[in-house]
Amino acid sequence: MDQNTLIGIAVQAMIITAKLAAPMVLTALVIGFAVSLLQSVTQIQEVTLSFIPKAIGVAIALLVCGSWMISEMVTYTELLFKQIPSLLNG
C-alpha cells in the first residue's frame, strides 16, 4: 500500500464522517442559535434551557436521517472491503 492510497482512504473517511455528522451538528446549531436568540430577547439567562430542545432536535434528526446514514456507511464499508485485494497486492 503506497502513501497516496492511504491518503485517499483517509480523505474518504473524513468526508463520510463529515457527511454523517452534518445533520446532527446543523440541527444542534440551528436550535442553539434560536434558543440563544430567544434568551437574549427575553433576557432569560438559564444555561440548561438549551439542552432539552437540542437533545430532542438531534433525536429527531437521527430518526429522520438514520436510514440514510446507515446506507452511506454500508456503502463505504463495502467499498473498503472491495479494495482489500488491491491494497494487499500493492
Protein backbone atom coordinates (compact mmCIF):
# COMPACT_ATOMS: atom_id res chain seq x y z
CA MET A 1 0.00 0.00 0.00
CA ASP A 2 1.54 3.28 -1.04
CA GLN A 3 1.21 6.67 0.55
CA ASN A 4 -1.27 8.06 -1.99
CA THR A 5 -3.69 5.18 -1.43
CA LEU A 6 -3.53 5.64 2.31
CA ILE A 7 -4.16 9.37 1.99
CA GLY A 8 -7.10 8.67 -0.34
CA ILE A 9 -8.67 6.29 2.17
CA ALA A 10 -8.15 8.80 4.97
CA VAL A 11 -9.74 11.59 2.93
CA GLN A 12 -12.72 9.36 2.09
CA ALA A 13 -13.11 8.51 5.79
CA MET A 14 -13.08 12.19 6.76
CA ILE A 15 -15.62 13.07 4.06
CA ILE A 16 -18.01 10.30 5.11
CA THR A 17 -17.59 11.34 8.75
CA ALA A 18 -18.48 14.94 7.91
CA LYS A 19 -21.48 13.82 5.84
CA LEU A 20 -22.78 11.59 8.63
CA ALA A 21 -22.28 14.17 11.37
CA ALA A 22 -23.76 17.09 9.42
CA PRO A 23 -27.48 16.50 10.16
CA MET A 24 -26.97 16.36 13.94
CA VAL A 25 -24.45 19.19 14.07
CA LEU A 26 -26.55 21.50 11.91
CA THR A 27 -29.69 20.68 13.89
CA ALA A 28 -27.95 21.45 17.18
CA LEU A 29 -26.51 24.64 15.68
CA VAL A 30 -29.86 25.95 14.46
CA ILE A 31 -31.68 25.06 17.67
CA GLY A 32 -28.89 26.51 19.81
CA PHE A 33 -28.96 29.74 17.82
CA ALA A 34 -32.74 30.00 18.10
CA VAL A 35 -32.70 29.38 21.86
CA SER A 36 -29.86 31.86 22.34
CA LEU A 37 -31.76 34.46 20.35
CA LEU A 38 -34.86 33.81 22.45
CA GLN A 39 -32.82 34.08 25.64
CA SER A 40 -31.27 37.36 24.59
CA VAL A 41 -34.64 38.84 23.61
CA THR A 42 -36.38 37.77 26.81
CA GLN A 43 -33.27 38.17 29.00
CA ILE A 44 -33.73 34.69 30.47
CA GLN A 45 -30.20 33.56 31.30
CA GLU A 46 -30.76 29.90 32.18
CA VAL A 47 -27.86 27.76 30.98
CA THR A 48 -29.76 24.48 30.94
CA LEU A 49 -32.63 25.86 28.84
CA SER A 50 -30.97 24.98 25.53
CA PHE A 51 -30.09 21.36 26.40
CA ILE A 52 -33.54 19.76 26.14
CA PRO A 53 -34.51 21.33 22.76
CA LYS A 54 -31.10 20.37 21.33
CA ALA A 55 -31.43 16.80 22.58
CA ILE A 56 -34.93 16.47 21.14
CA GLY A 57 -33.84 18.05 17.84
CA VAL A 58 -30.84 15.77 17.48
CA ALA A 59 -33.00 12.73 18.28
CA ILE A 60 -35.47 13.76 15.57
CA ALA A 61 -32.59 14.30 13.13
CA LEU A 62 -31.35 10.79 13.91
CA LEU A 63 -34.81 9.35 13.30
CA VAL A 64 -35.20 11.20 10.01
CA CYS A 65 -31.66 10.66 8.67
CA GLY A 66 -30.82 7.35 10.33
CA SER A 67 -31.56 5.08 7.38
CA TRP A 68 -29.61 7.33 5.03
CA MET A 69 -26.66 7.36 7.43
CA ILE A 70 -26.65 3.58 7.68
CA SER A 71 -26.83 3.14 3.91
CA GLU A 72 -23.94 5.59 3.42
CA MET A 73 -21.85 3.74 6.00
CA VAL A 74 -22.64 0.34 4.47
CA THR A 75 -21.73 1.62 1.00
CA TYR A 76 -18.42 3.00 2.28
CA THR A 77 -17.63 -0.23 4.14
CA GLU A 78 -18.40 -2.33 1.07
CA LEU A 79 -16.11 -0.08 -0.97
CA LEU A 80 -13.30 -0.59 1.54
CA PHE A 81 -13.80 -4.37 1.57
CA LYS A 82 -13.69 -4.45 -2.24
CA GLN A 83 -10.37 -2.55 -2.14
CA ILE A 84 -8.67 -5.03 0.21
CA PRO A 85 -7.20 -7.32 -2.51
CA SER A 86 -5.73 -4.39 -4.42
CA LEU A 87 -4.36 -2.90 -1.22
CA LEU A 88 -2.63 -6.13 -0.23
CA ASN A 89 -1.11 -6.70 -3.67
CA GLY A 90 0.34 -3.22 -3.70
